[in-house]
Amino acid sequence: LLDSLGSRSFRQVIANQIDRCSLDAIDSIRGQEPSCLFLSALRG
């Protein structure tokens, strides 16, 4: 959707809810987005 809107800004992926996800999901997104940042908005 961002590509279709013509967005050219730098994108940084933020992986939220790391306190509720599985380890497989963390490993998978690391392989897809190596520079991904991990956090939990509710726990801080």
PDB file of all heavy atoms in Angstrom:
ATOM      1  N   LEU A   1       0.823  -1.210   0.000  1.00  0.00           N
ATOM      2  CA  LEU A   1       0.000   0.000   0.000  1.00  0.00           C
ATOM      3  C   LEU A   1       0.856   1.258   0.000  1.00  0.00           C
ATOM      4  O   LEU A   1       0.541   2.235  -0.694  1.00  0.00           O
ATOM      5  CB  LEU A   1      -0.930  -0.005   1.215  1.00  0.00           C
ATOM      6  CG  LEU A   1      -2.111  -0.977   1.157  1.00  0.00           C
ATOM      7  CD1 LEU A   1      -2.822  -1.035   2.494  1.00  0.00           C
ATOM      8  CD2 LEU A   1      -3.088  -0.545   0.070  1.00  0.00           C
ATOM      9  N   LEU A   2       1.945   1.254   0.763  1.00  0.00           N
ATOM     10  CA  LEU A   2       2.838   2.419   0.763  1.00  0.00           C
ATOM     11  C   LEU A   2       3.478   2.623  -0.608  1.00  0.00           C
ATOM     12  O   LEU A   2       3.620   3.767  -1.072  1.00  0.00           O
ATOM     13  CB  LEU A   2       3.909   2.242   1.832  1.00  0.00           C
ATOM     14  CG  LEU A   2       3.434   2.331   3.291  1.00  0.00           C
ATOM     15  CD1 LEU A   2       4.575   2.010   4.248  1.00  0.00           C
ATOM     16  CD2 LEU A   2       2.860   3.710   3.598  1.00  0.00           C
ATOM     17  N   ASP A   3       3.855   1.542  -1.255  1.00  0.00           N
ATOM     18  CA  ASP A   3       4.415   1.658  -2.610  1.00  0.00           C
ATOM     19  C   ASP A   3       3.389   2.220  -3.586  1.00  0.00           C
ATOM     20  O   ASP A   3       3.722   3.054  -4.441  1.00  0.00           O
ATOM     21  CB  ASP A   3       4.913   0.297  -3.094  1.00  0.00           C
ATOM     22  CG  ASP A   3       6.122  -0.194  -2.305  1.00  0.00           C
ATOM     23  OD1 ASP A   3       6.800   0.643  -1.692  1.00  0.00           O
ATOM     24  OD2 ASP A   3       6.358  -1.422  -2.295  1.00  0.00           O
ATOM     25  N   SER A   4       2.139   1.772  -3.476  1.00  0.00           N
ATOM     26  CA  SER A   4       1.096   2.257  -4.383  1.00  0.00           C
ATOM     27  C   SER A   4       0.782   3.726  -4.149  1.00  0.00           C
ATOM     28  O   SER A   4       0.351   4.430  -5.075  1.00  0.00           O
ATOM     29  CB  SER A   4      -0.171   1.420  -4.221  1.00  0.00           C
ATOM     30  OG  SER A   4      -0.732   1.581  -2.933  1.00  0.00           O
ATOM     31  N   LEU A   5       0.988   4.208  -2.911  1.00  0.00           N
ATOM     32  CA  LEU A   5       0.760   5.627  -2.609  1.00  0.00           C
ATOM     33  C   LEU A   5       1.950   6.502  -2.997  1.00  0.00           C
ATOM     34  O   LEU A   5       1.879   7.726  -2.867  1.00  0.00           O
ATOM     35  CB  LEU A   5       0.468   5.798  -1.117  1.00  0.00           C
ATOM     36  CG  LEU A   5      -0.848   5.190  -0.619  1.00  0.00           C
ATOM     37  CD1 LEU A   5      -0.925   5.268   0.905  1.00  0.00           C
ATOM     38  CD2 LEU A   5      -2.039   5.895  -1.240  1.00  0.00           C
ATOM     39  N   GLY A   6       3.037   5.892  -3.449  1.00  0.00           N
ATOM     40  CA  GLY A   6       4.212   6.656  -3.864  1.00  0.00           C
ATOM     41  C   GLY A   6       5.100   7.093  -2.713  1.00  0.00           C
ATOM     42  O   GLY A   6       5.813   8.095  -2.830  1.00  0.00           O
ATOM     43  N   SER A   7       5.088   6.369  -1.603  1.00  0.00           N
ATOM     44  CA  SER A   7       5.900   6.752  -0.451  1.00  0.00           C
ATOM     45  C   SER A   7       7.378   6.498  -0.735  1.00  0.00           C
ATOM     46  O   SER A   7       7.764   5.411  -1.180  1.00  0.00           O
ATOM     47  CB  SER A   7       5.452   5.950   0.775  1.00  0.00           C
ATOM     48  OG  SER A   7       6.315   6.185   1.858  1.00  0.00           O
ATOM     49  N   ARG A   8       8.211   7.518  -0.433  1.00  0.00           N
ATOM     50  CA  ARG A   8       9.662   7.402  -0.620  1.00  0.00           C
ATOM     51  C   ARG A   8      10.425   7.568   0.687  1.00  0.00           C
ATOM     52  O   ARG A   8      11.665   7.579   0.684  1.00  0.00           O
ATOM     53  CB  ARG A   8      10.141   8.439  -1.626  1.00  0.00           C
ATOM     54  CG  ARG A   8       9.528   8.271  -3.025  1.00  0.00           C
ATOM     55  CD  ARG A   8      10.061   9.307  -3.983  1.00  0.00           C
ATOM     56  NE  ARG A   8       9.497   9.141  -5.322  1.00  0.00           N
ATOM     57  CZ  ARG A   8       9.761   9.941  -6.362  1.00  0.00           C
ATOM     58  NH1 ARG A   8      10.608  10.970  -6.199  1.00  0.00           N
ATOM     59  NH2 ARG A   8       9.205   9.720  -7.527  1.00  0.00           N
ATOM     60  N   SER A   9       9.718   7.716   1.780  1.00  0.00           N
ATOM     61  CA  SER A   9      10.374   7.901   3.080  1.00  0.00           C
ATOM     62  C   SER A   9      11.023   6.603   3.534  1.00  0.00           C
ATOM     63  O   SER A   9      10.603   5.504   3.150  1.00  0.00           O
ATOM     64  CB  SER A   9       9.353   8.364   4.126  1.00  0.00           C
ATOM     65  OG  SER A   9       8.723   9.563   3.719  1.00  0.00           O
ATOM     66  N   PHE A  10      12.035   6.757   4.388  1.00  0.00           N
ATOM     67  CA  PHE A  10      12.729   5.601   4.934  1.00  0.00           C
ATOM     68  C   PHE A  10      11.789   4.845   5.870  1.00  0.00           C
ATOM     69  O   PHE A  10      11.090   5.443   6.696  1.00  0.00           O
ATOM     70  CB  PHE A  10      13.991   6.048   5.689  1.00  0.00           C
ATOM     71  CG  PHE A  10      14.714   4.923   6.361  1.00  0.00           C
ATOM     72  CD1 PHE A  10      15.499   4.055   5.631  1.00  0.00           C
ATOM     73  CD2 PHE A  10      14.594   4.725   7.740  1.00  0.00           C
ATOM     74  CE1 PHE A  10      16.176   3.012   6.247  1.00  0.00           C
ATOM     75  CE2 PHE A  10      15.264   3.683   8.359  1.00  0.00           C
ATOM     76  CZ  PHE A  10      16.057   2.833   7.616  1.00  0.00           C
ATOM     77  N   ARG A  11      11.769   3.528   5.764  1.00  0.00           N
ATOM     78  CA  ARG A  11      10.885   2.698   6.580  1.00  0.00           C
ATOM     79  C   ARG A  11      11.716   1.856   7.544  1.00  0.00           C
ATOM     80  O   ARG A  11      12.663   1.192   7.143  1.00  0.00           O
ATOM     81  CB  ARG A  11      10.037   1.774   5.702  1.00  0.00           C
ATOM     82  CG  ARG A  11       9.234   2.495   4.640  1.00  0.00           C
ATOM     83  CD  ARG A  11       8.551   1.509   3.697  1.00  0.00           C
ATOM     84  NE  ARG A  11       8.056   2.186   2.507  1.00  0.00           N
ATOM     85  CZ  ARG A  11       7.524   1.563   1.460  1.00  0.00           C
ATOM     86  NH1 ARG A  11       7.405   0.229   1.472  1.00  0.00           N
ATOM     87  NH2 ARG A  11       7.116   2.257   0.415  1.00  0.00           N
ATOM     88  N   GLN A  12      11.309   1.892   8.796  1.00  0.00           N
ATOM     89  CA  GLN A  12      11.941   1.086   9.832  1.00  0.00           C
ATOM     90  C   GLN A  12      10.871   0.195  10.454  1.00  0.00           C
ATOM     91  O   GLN A  12       9.875   0.687  11.003  1.00  0.00           O
ATOM     92  CB  GLN A  12      12.579   1.963  10.911  1.00  0.00           C
ATOM     93  CG  GLN A  12      13.129   1.193  12.080  1.00  0.00           C
ATOM     94  CD  GLN A  12      14.232   0.230  11.681  1.00  0.00           C
ATOM     95  OE1 GLN A  12      15.118   0.573  10.900  1.00  0.00           O
ATOM     96  NE2 GLN A  12      14.174  -0.989  12.211  1.00  0.00           N
ATOM     97  N   VAL A  13      11.067  -1.110  10.373  1.00  0.00           N
ATOM     98  CA  VAL A  13      10.098  -2.055  10.905  1.00  0.00           C
ATOM     99  C   VAL A  13      10.258  -2.151  12.419  1.00  0.00           C
ATOM    100  O   VAL A  13      11.374  -2.318  12.931  1.00  0.00           O
ATOM    101  CB  VAL A  13      10.264  -3.436  10.243  1.00  0.00           C
ATOM    102  CG1 VAL A  13       9.310  -4.450  10.874  1.00  0.00           C
ATOM    103  CG2 VAL A  13      10.020  -3.337   8.744  1.00  0.00           C
ATOM    104  N   ILE A  14       9.121  -2.051  13.123  1.00  0.00           N
ATOM    105  CA  ILE A  14       9.080  -2.177  14.580  1.00  0.00           C
ATOM    106  C   ILE A  14       8.238  -3.396  14.921  1.00  0.00           C
ATOM    107  O   ILE A  14       7.032  -3.430  14.640  1.00  0.00           O
ATOM    108  CB  ILE A  14       8.471  -0.917  15.237  1.00  0.00           C
ATOM    109  CG1 ILE A  14       9.209   0.340  14.776  1.00  0.00           C
ATOM    110  CG2 ILE A  14       8.491  -1.049  16.749  1.00  0.00           C
ATOM    111  CD1 ILE A  14      10.646   0.410  15.204  1.00  0.00           C
ATOM    112  N   ALA A  15       8.850  -4.410  15.524  1.00  0.00           N
ATOM    113  CA  ALA A  15       8.136  -5.624  15.906  1.00  0.00           C
ATOM    114  C   ALA A  15       7.570  -5.434  17.308  1.00  0.00           C
ATOM    115  O   ALA A  15       8.314  -5.388  18.291  1.00  0.00           O
ATOM    116  CB  ALA A  15       9.062  -6.831  15.851  1.00  0.00           C
ATOM    117  N   ASN A  16       6.249  -5.316  17.395  1.00  0.00           N
ATOM    118  CA  ASN A  16       5.581  -5.069  18.667  1.00  0.00           C
ATOM    119  C   ASN A  16       5.114  -6.388  19.308  1.00  0.00           C
ATOM    120  O   ASN A  16       5.024  -7.418  18.644  1.00  0.00           O
ATOM    121  CB  ASN A  16       4.376  -4.144  18.422  1.00  0.00           C
ATOM    122  CG  ASN A  16       3.748  -3.657  19.714  1.00  0.00           C
ATOM    123  OD1 ASN A  16       4.385  -3.643  20.761  1.00  0.00           O
ATOM    124  ND2 ASN A  16       2.489  -3.272  19.644  1.00  0.00           N
ATOM    125  N   GLN A  17       4.825  -6.305  20.600  1.00  0.00           N
ATOM    126  CA  GLN A  17       4.304  -7.422  21.396  1.00  0.00           C
ATOM    127  C   GLN A  17       5.275  -8.612  21.431  1.00  0.00           C
ATOM    128  O   GLN A  17       4.879  -9.772  21.251  1.00  0.00           O
ATOM    129  CB  GLN A  17       2.935  -7.885  20.869  1.00  0.00           C
ATOM    130  CG  GLN A  17       1.871  -6.800  20.919  1.00  0.00           C
ATOM    131  CD  GLN A  17       0.477  -7.349  21.096  1.00  0.00           C
ATOM    132  OE1 GLN A  17       0.227  -8.073  22.055  1.00  0.00           O
ATOM    133  NE2 GLN A  17      -0.418  -7.003  20.183  1.00  0.00           N
ATOM    134  N   ILE A  18       6.546  -8.321  21.689  1.00  0.00           N
ATOM    135  CA  ILE A  18       7.519  -9.405  21.789  1.00  0.00           C
ATOM    136  C   ILE A  18       7.293 -10.234  23.050  1.00  0.00           C
ATOM    137  O   ILE A  18       7.820 -11.342  23.172  1.00  0.00           O
ATOM    138  CB  ILE A  18       8.960  -8.855  21.787  1.00  0.00           C
ATOM    139  CG1 ILE A  18       9.168  -7.865  22.942  1.00  0.00           C
ATOM    140  CG2 ILE A  18       9.265  -8.186  20.462  1.00  0.00           C
ATOM    141  CD1 ILE A  18      10.600  -7.431  23.108  1.00  0.00           C
ATOM    142  N   ASP A  19       6.497  -9.696  23.999  1.00  0.00           N
ATOM    143  CA  ASP A  19       6.209 -10.453  25.213  1.00  0.00           C
ATOM    144  C   ASP A  19       5.134 -11.508  24.989  1.00  0.00           C
ATOM    145  O   ASP A  19       4.915 -12.364  25.855  1.00  0.00           O
ATOM    146  CB  ASP A  19       5.765  -9.503  26.328  1.00  0.00           C
ATOM    147  CG  ASP A  19       4.581  -8.645  25.907  1.00  0.00           C
ATOM    148  OD1 ASP A  19       4.536  -8.245  24.720  1.00  0.00           O
ATOM    149  OD2 ASP A  19       3.702  -8.378  26.751  1.00  0.00           O
ATOM    150  N   ARG A  20       4.460 -11.479  23.828  1.00  0.00           N
ATOM    151  CA  ARG A  20       3.380 -12.426  23.568  1.00  0.00           C
ATOM    152  C   ARG A  20       3.630 -13.293  22.340  1.00  0.00           C
ATOM    153  O   ARG A  20       2.823 -14.163  22.028  1.00  0.00           O
ATOM    154  CB  ARG A  20       2.060 -11.665  23.367  1.00  0.00           C
ATOM    155  CG  ARG A  20       1.603 -10.879  24.578  1.00  0.00           C
ATOM    156  CD  ARG A  20       0.308 -10.148  24.281  1.00  0.00           C
ATOM    157  NE  ARG A  20      -0.690 -11.090  23.792  1.00  0.00           N
ATOM    158  CZ  ARG A  20      -1.660 -10.755  22.947  1.00  0.00           C
ATOM    159  NH1 ARG A  20      -1.731  -9.536  22.465  1.00  0.00           N
ATOM    160  NH2 ARG A  20      -2.548 -11.661  22.569  1.00  0.00           N
ATOM    161  N   CYS A  21       4.710 -13.065  21.627  1.00  0.00           N
ATOM    162  CA  CYS A  21       4.953 -13.800  20.391  1.00  0.00           C
ATOM    163  C   CYS A  21       5.828 -15.027  20.667  1.00  0.00           C
ATOM    164  O   CYS A  21       6.404 -15.188  21.745  1.00  0.00           O
ATOM    165  CB  CYS A  21       5.612 -12.903  19.349  1.00  0.00           C
ATOM    166  SG  CYS A  21       7.305 -12.429  19.763  1.00  0.00           S
ATOM    167  N   SER A  22       5.947 -15.852  19.648  1.00  0.00           N
ATOM    168  CA  SER A  22       6.771 -17.054  19.752  1.00  0.00           C
ATOM    169  C   SER A  22       8.196 -16.758  19.292  1.00  0.00           C
ATOM    170  O   SER A  22       8.460 -15.772  18.587  1.00  0.00           O
ATOM    171  CB  SER A  22       6.165 -18.171  18.893  1.00  0.00           C
ATOM    172  OG  SER A  22       6.173 -17.798  17.523  1.00  0.00           O
ATOM    173  N   LEU A  23       9.120 -17.643  19.689  1.00  0.00           N
ATOM    174  CA  LEU A  23      10.509 -17.483  19.242  1.00  0.00           C
ATOM    175  C   LEU A  23      10.636 -17.683  17.742  1.00  0.00           C
ATOM    176  O   LEU A  23      11.502 -17.062  17.090  1.00  0.00           O
ATOM    177  CB  LEU A  23      11.394 -18.485  19.993  1.00  0.00           C
ATOM    178  CG  LEU A  23      11.554 -18.248  21.504  1.00  0.00           C
ATOM    179  CD1 LEU A  23      12.411 -19.349  22.124  1.00  0.00           C
ATOM    180  CD2 LEU A  23      12.171 -16.877  21.770  1.00  0.00           C
ATOM    181  N   ASP A  24       9.791 -18.532  17.158  1.00  0.00           N
ATOM    182  CA  ASP A  24       9.837 -18.738  15.708  1.00  0.00           C
ATOM    183  C   ASP A  24       9.497 -17.454  14.966  1.00  0.00           C
ATOM    184  O   ASP A  24      10.090 -17.160  13.921  1.00  0.00           O
ATOM    185  CB  ASP A  24       8.855 -19.843  15.312  1.00  0.00           C
ATOM    186  CG  ASP A  24       9.283 -21.203  15.846  1.00  0.00           C
ATOM    187  OD1 ASP A  24      10.489 -21.367  16.143  1.00  0.00           O
ATOM    188  OD2 ASP A  24       8.416 -22.096  15.969  1.00  0.00           O
ATOM    189  N   ALA A  25       8.550 -16.670  15.491  1.00  0.00           N
ATOM    190  CA  ALA A  25       8.194 -15.407  14.840  1.00  0.00           C
ATOM    191  C   ALA A  25       9.355 -14.421  14.904  1.00  0.00           C
ATOM    192  O   ALA A  25       9.620 -13.696  13.929  1.00  0.00           O
ATOM    193  CB  ALA A  25       6.950 -14.819  15.503  1.00  0.00           C
ATOM    194  N   ILE A  26      10.067 -14.395  16.031  1.00  0.00           N
ATOM    195  CA  ILE A  26      11.227 -13.497  16.147  1.00  0.00           C
ATOM    196  C   ILE A  26      12.314 -13.895  15.159  1.00  0.00           C
ATOM    197  O   ILE A  26      12.900 -13.042  14.465  1.00  0.00           O
ATOM    198  CB  ILE A  26      11.754 -13.510  17.595  1.00  0.00           C
ATOM    199  CG1 ILE A  26      10.707 -12.899  18.543  1.00  0.00           C
ATOM    200  CG2 ILE A  26      13.074 -12.749  17.684  1.00  0.00           C
ATOM    201  CD1 ILE A  26      11.135 -12.919  20.003  1.00  0.00           C
ATOM    202  N   ASP A  27      12.609 -15.191  15.068  1.00  0.00           N
ATOM    203  CA  ASP A  27      13.630 -15.646  14.120  1.00  0.00           C
ATOM    204  C   ASP A  27      13.204 -15.366  12.679  1.00  0.00           C
ATOM    205  O   ASP A  27      14.039 -15.002  11.841  1.00  0.00           O
ATOM    206  CB  ASP A  27      13.877 -17.140  14.317  1.00  0.00           C
ATOM    207  CG  ASP A  27      14.494 -17.451  15.675  1.00  0.00           C
ATOM    208  OD1 ASP A  27      15.106 -16.536  16.263  1.00  0.00           O
ATOM    209  OD2 ASP A  27      14.324 -18.598  16.158  1.00  0.00           O
ATOM    210  N   SER A  28      11.914 -15.518  12.393  1.00  0.00           N
ATOM    211  CA  SER A  28      11.433 -15.321  11.028  1.00  0.00           C
ATOM    212  C   SER A  28      11.532 -13.865  10.606  1.00  0.00           C
ATOM    213  O   SER A  28      11.976 -13.558   9.500  1.00  0.00           O
ATOM    214  CB  SER A  28       9.985 -15.809  10.913  1.00  0.00           C
ATOM    215  OG  SER A  28       9.493 -15.623   9.607  1.00  0.00           O
ATOM    216  N   ILE A  29      11.137 -12.940  11.476  1.00  0.00           N
ATOM    217  CA  ILE A  29      11.193 -11.534  11.082  1.00  0.00           C
ATOM    218  C   ILE A  29      12.636 -11.025  11.054  1.00  0.00           C
ATOM    219  O   ILE A  29      12.966 -10.097  10.317  1.00  0.00           O
ATOM    220  CB  ILE A  29      10.313 -10.672  12.010  1.00  0.00           C
ATOM    221  CG1 ILE A  29      10.008  -9.328  11.332  1.00  0.00           C
ATOM    222  CG2 ILE A  29      10.957 -10.458  13.361  1.00  0.00           C
ATOM    223  CD1 ILE A  29       8.972  -8.494  12.058  1.00  0.00           C
ATOM    224  N   ARG A  30      13.500 -11.642  11.836  1.00  0.00           N
ATOM    225  CA  ARG A  30      14.928 -11.287  11.748  1.00  0.00           C
ATOM    226  C   ARG A  30      15.489 -11.628  10.380  1.00  0.00           C
ATOM    227  O   ARG A  30      16.291 -10.885   9.813  1.00  0.00           O
ATOM    228  CB  ARG A  30      15.715 -12.031  12.833  1.00  0.00           C
ATOM    229  CG  ARG A  30      15.779 -11.309  14.160  1.00  0.00           C
ATOM    230  CD  ARG A  30      16.496 -12.155  15.175  1.00  0.00           C
ATOM    231  NE  ARG A  30      16.722 -11.456  16.438  1.00  0.00           N
ATOM    232  CZ  ARG A  30      17.086 -12.034  17.553  1.00  0.00           C
ATOM    233  NH1 ARG A  30      17.286 -13.346  17.576  1.00  0.00           N
ATOM    234  NH2 ARG A  30      17.276 -11.336  18.658  1.00  0.00           N
ATOM    235  N   GLY A  31      15.064 -12.767   9.847  1.00  0.00           N
ATOM    236  CA  GLY A  31      15.533 -13.128   8.517  1.00  0.00           C
ATOM    237  C   GLY A  31      14.949 -12.257   7.429  1.00  0.00           C
ATOM    238  O   GLY A  31      15.609 -11.985   6.418  1.00  0.00           O
ATOM    239  N   GLN A  32      13.702 -11.791   7.623  1.00  0.00           N
ATOM    240  CA  GLN A  32      13.053 -10.952   6.608  1.00  0.00           C
ATOM    241  C   GLN A  32      13.452  -9.487   6.729  1.00  0.00           C
ATOM    242  O   GLN A  32      13.621  -8.798   5.730  1.00  0.00           O
ATOM    243  CB  GLN A  32      11.527 -11.090   6.737  1.00  0.00           C
ATOM    244  CG  GLN A  32      10.749 -10.371   5.661  1.00  0.00           C
ATOM    245  CD  GLN A  32       9.266 -10.681   5.752  1.00  0.00           C
ATOM    246  OE1 GLN A  32       8.849 -11.641   6.411  1.00  0.00           O
ATOM    247  NE2 GLN A  32       8.450  -9.884   5.086  1.00  0.00           N
ATOM    248  N   GLU A  33      13.598  -8.990   7.961  1.00  0.00           N
ATOM    249  CA  GLU A  33      13.967  -7.598   8.220  1.00  0.00           C
ATOM    250  C   GLU A  33      15.129  -7.591   9.204  1.00  0.00           C
ATOM    251  O   GLU A  33      14.933  -7.522  10.412  1.00  0.00           O
ATOM    252  CB  GLU A  33      12.773  -6.819   8.790  1.00  0.00           C
ATOM    253  CG  GLU A  33      11.549  -6.765   7.890  1.00  0.00           C
ATOM    254  CD  GLU A  33      11.734  -5.793   6.735  1.00  0.00           C
ATOM    255  OE1 GLU A  33      12.675  -4.964   6.802  1.00  0.00           O
ATOM    256  OE2 GLU A  33      10.932  -5.843   5.786  1.00  0.00           O
ATOM    257  N   PRO A  34      16.379  -7.671   8.726  1.00  0.00           N
ATOM    258  CA  PRO A  34      17.533  -7.784   9.641  1.00  0.00           C
ATOM    259  C   PRO A  34      17.664  -6.610  10.596  1.00  0.00           C
ATOM    260  O   PRO A  34      18.155  -6.770  11.720  1.00  0.00           O
ATOM    261  CB  PRO A  34      18.728  -7.869   8.686  1.00  0.00           C
ATOM    262  CG  PRO A  34      18.146  -8.353   7.385  1.00  0.00           C
ATOM    263  CD  PRO A  34      16.769  -7.769   7.311  1.00  0.00           C
ATOM    264  N   SER A  35      17.248  -5.409  10.193  1.00  0.00           N
ATOM    265  CA  SER A  35      17.405  -4.226  11.047  1.00  0.00           C
ATOM    266  C   SER A  35      16.177  -3.955  11.898  1.00  0.00           C
ATOM    267  O   SER A  35      16.017  -2.854  12.433  1.00  0.00           O
ATOM    268  CB  SER A  35      17.698  -3.000  10.179  1.00  0.00           C
ATOM    269  OG  SER A  35      16.615  -2.760   9.279  1.00  0.00           O
ATOM    270  N   CYS A  36      15.309  -4.909  12.031  1.00  0.00           N
ATOM    271  CA  CYS A  36      14.062  -4.736  12.768  1.00  0.00           C
ATOM    272  C   CYS A  36      14.341  -4.430  14.238  1.00  0.00           C
ATOM    273  O   CYS A  36      15.276  -4.962  14.845  1.00  0.00           O
ATOM    274  CB  CYS A  36      13.213  -6.003  12.638  1.00  0.00           C
ATOM    275  SG  CYS A  36      11.714  -6.000  13.631  1.00  0.00           S
ATOM    276  N   LEU A  37      13.523  -3.535  14.827  1.00  0.00           N
ATOM    277  CA  LEU A  37      13.601  -3.214  16.252  1.00  0.00           C
ATOM    278  C   LEU A  37      12.484  -3.932  16.985  1.00  0.00           C
ATOM    279  O   LEU A  37      11.347  -3.976  16.510  1.00  0.00           O
ATOM    280  CB  LEU A  37      13.474  -1.706  16.468  1.00  0.00           C
ATOM    281  CG  LEU A  37      14.469  -0.827  15.700  1.00  0.00           C
ATOM    282  CD1 LEU A  37      14.237   0.635  16.028  1.00  0.00           C
ATOM    283  CD2 LEU A  37      15.908  -1.225  16.002  1.00  0.00           C
ATOM    284  N   PHE A  38      12.806  -4.460  18.168  1.00  0.00           N
ATOM    285  CA  PHE A  38      11.850  -5.252  18.929  1.00  0.00           C
ATOM    286  C   PHE A  38      11.435  -4.497  20.187  1.00  0.00           C
ATOM    287  O   PHE A  38      12.290  -3.921  20.882  1.00  0.00           O
ATOM    288  CB  PHE A  38      12.455  -6.604  19.320  1.00  0.00           C
ATOM    289  CG  PHE A  38      12.770  -7.488  18.146  1.00  0.00           C
ATOM    290  CD1 PHE A  38      13.980  -7.348  17.468  1.00  0.00           C
ATOM    291  CD2 PHE A  38      11.868  -8.445  17.709  1.00  0.00           C
ATOM    292  CE1 PHE A  38      14.276  -8.159  16.377  1.00  0.00           C
ATOM    293  CE2 PHE A  38      12.158  -9.248  16.633  1.00  0.00           C
ATOM    294  CZ  PHE A  38      13.355  -9.110  15.956  1.00  0.00           C
ATOM    295  N   LEU A  39      10.131  -4.517  20.492  1.00  0.00           N
ATOM    296  CA  LEU A  39       9.652  -3.848  21.697  1.00  0.00           C
ATOM    297  C   LEU A  39       8.273  -4.382  22.078  1.00  0.00           C
ATOM    298  O   LEU A  39       7.636  -5.131  21.333  1.00  0.00           O
ATOM    299  CB  LEU A  39       9.599  -2.329  21.510  1.00  0.00           C
ATOM    300  CG  LEU A  39       8.795  -1.762  20.328  1.00  0.00           C
ATOM    301  CD1 LEU A  39       7.302  -1.678  20.639  1.00  0.00           C
ATOM    302  CD2 LEU A  39       9.299  -0.375  19.945  1.00  0.00           C
ATOM    303  N   SER A  40       7.822  -3.951  23.256  1.00  0.00           N
ATOM    304  CA  SER A  40       6.465  -4.200  23.722  1.00  0.00           C
ATOM    305  C   SER A  40       5.906  -2.872  24.211  1.00  0.00           C
ATOM    306  O   SER A  40       6.360  -2.332  25.225  1.00  0.00           O
ATOM    307  CB  SER A  40       6.435  -5.240  24.847  1.00  0.00           C
ATOM    308  OG  SER A  40       5.132  -5.352  25.386  1.00  0.00           O
ATOM    309  N   ALA A  41       4.913  -2.334  23.471  1.00  0.00           N
ATOM    310  CA  ALA A  41       4.387  -1.007  23.792  1.00  0.00           C
ATOM    311  C   ALA A  41       3.679  -1.005  25.144  1.00  0.00           C
ATOM    312  O   ALA A  41       3.730  -0.011  25.870  1.00  0.00           O
ATOM    313  CB  ALA A  41       3.431  -0.549  22.692  1.00  0.00           C
ATOM    314  N   LEU A  42       3.031  -2.095  25.503  1.00  0.00           N
ATOM    315  CA  LEU A  42       2.281  -2.131  26.762  1.00  0.00           C
ATOM    316  C   LEU A  42       3.203  -2.318  27.966  1.00  0.00           C
ATOM    317  O   LEU A  42       3.036  -1.669  28.996  1.00  0.00           O
ATOM    318  CB  LEU A  42       1.239  -3.255  26.710  1.00  0.00           C
ATOM    319  CG  LEU A  42       0.084  -3.045  25.728  1.00  0.00           C
ATOM    320  CD1 LEU A  42      -0.885  -4.221  25.772  1.00  0.00           C
ATOM    321  CD2 LEU A  42      -0.663  -1.746  26.036  1.00  0.00           C
ATOM    322  N   ARG A  43       4.183  -3.206  27.873  1.00  0.00           N
ATOM    323  CA  ARG A  43       5.088  -3.449  29.008  1.00  0.00           C
ATOM    324  C   ARG A  43       6.230  -2.452  29.062  1.00  0.00           C
ATOM    325  O   ARG A  43       6.852  -2.262  30.111  1.00  0.00           O
ATOM    326  CB  ARG A  43       5.668  -4.859  28.928  1.00  0.00           C
ATOM    327  CG  ARG A  43       4.676  -5.936  29.247  1.00  0.00           C
ATOM    328  CD  ARG A  43       5.304  -7.224  29.707  1.00  0.00           C
ATOM    329  NE  ARG A  43       6.682  -7.447  29.255  1.00  0.00           N
ATOM    330  CZ  ARG A  43       7.354  -8.560  29.480  1.00  0.00           C
ATOM    331  NH1 ARG A  43       6.786  -9.553  30.146  1.00  0.00           N
ATOM    332  NH2 ARG A  43       8.591  -8.700  29.047  1.00  0.00           N
ATOM    333  N   GLY A  44       6.564  -1.821  27.939  1.00  0.00           N
ATOM    334  CA  GLY A  44       7.657  -0.851  27.907  1.00  0.00           C
ATOM    335  C   GLY A  44       8.988  -1.431  27.500  1.00  0.00           C
ATOM    336  O   GLY A  44       9.996  -0.694  27.455  1.00  0.00           O
TER     337      GLY A  44
END
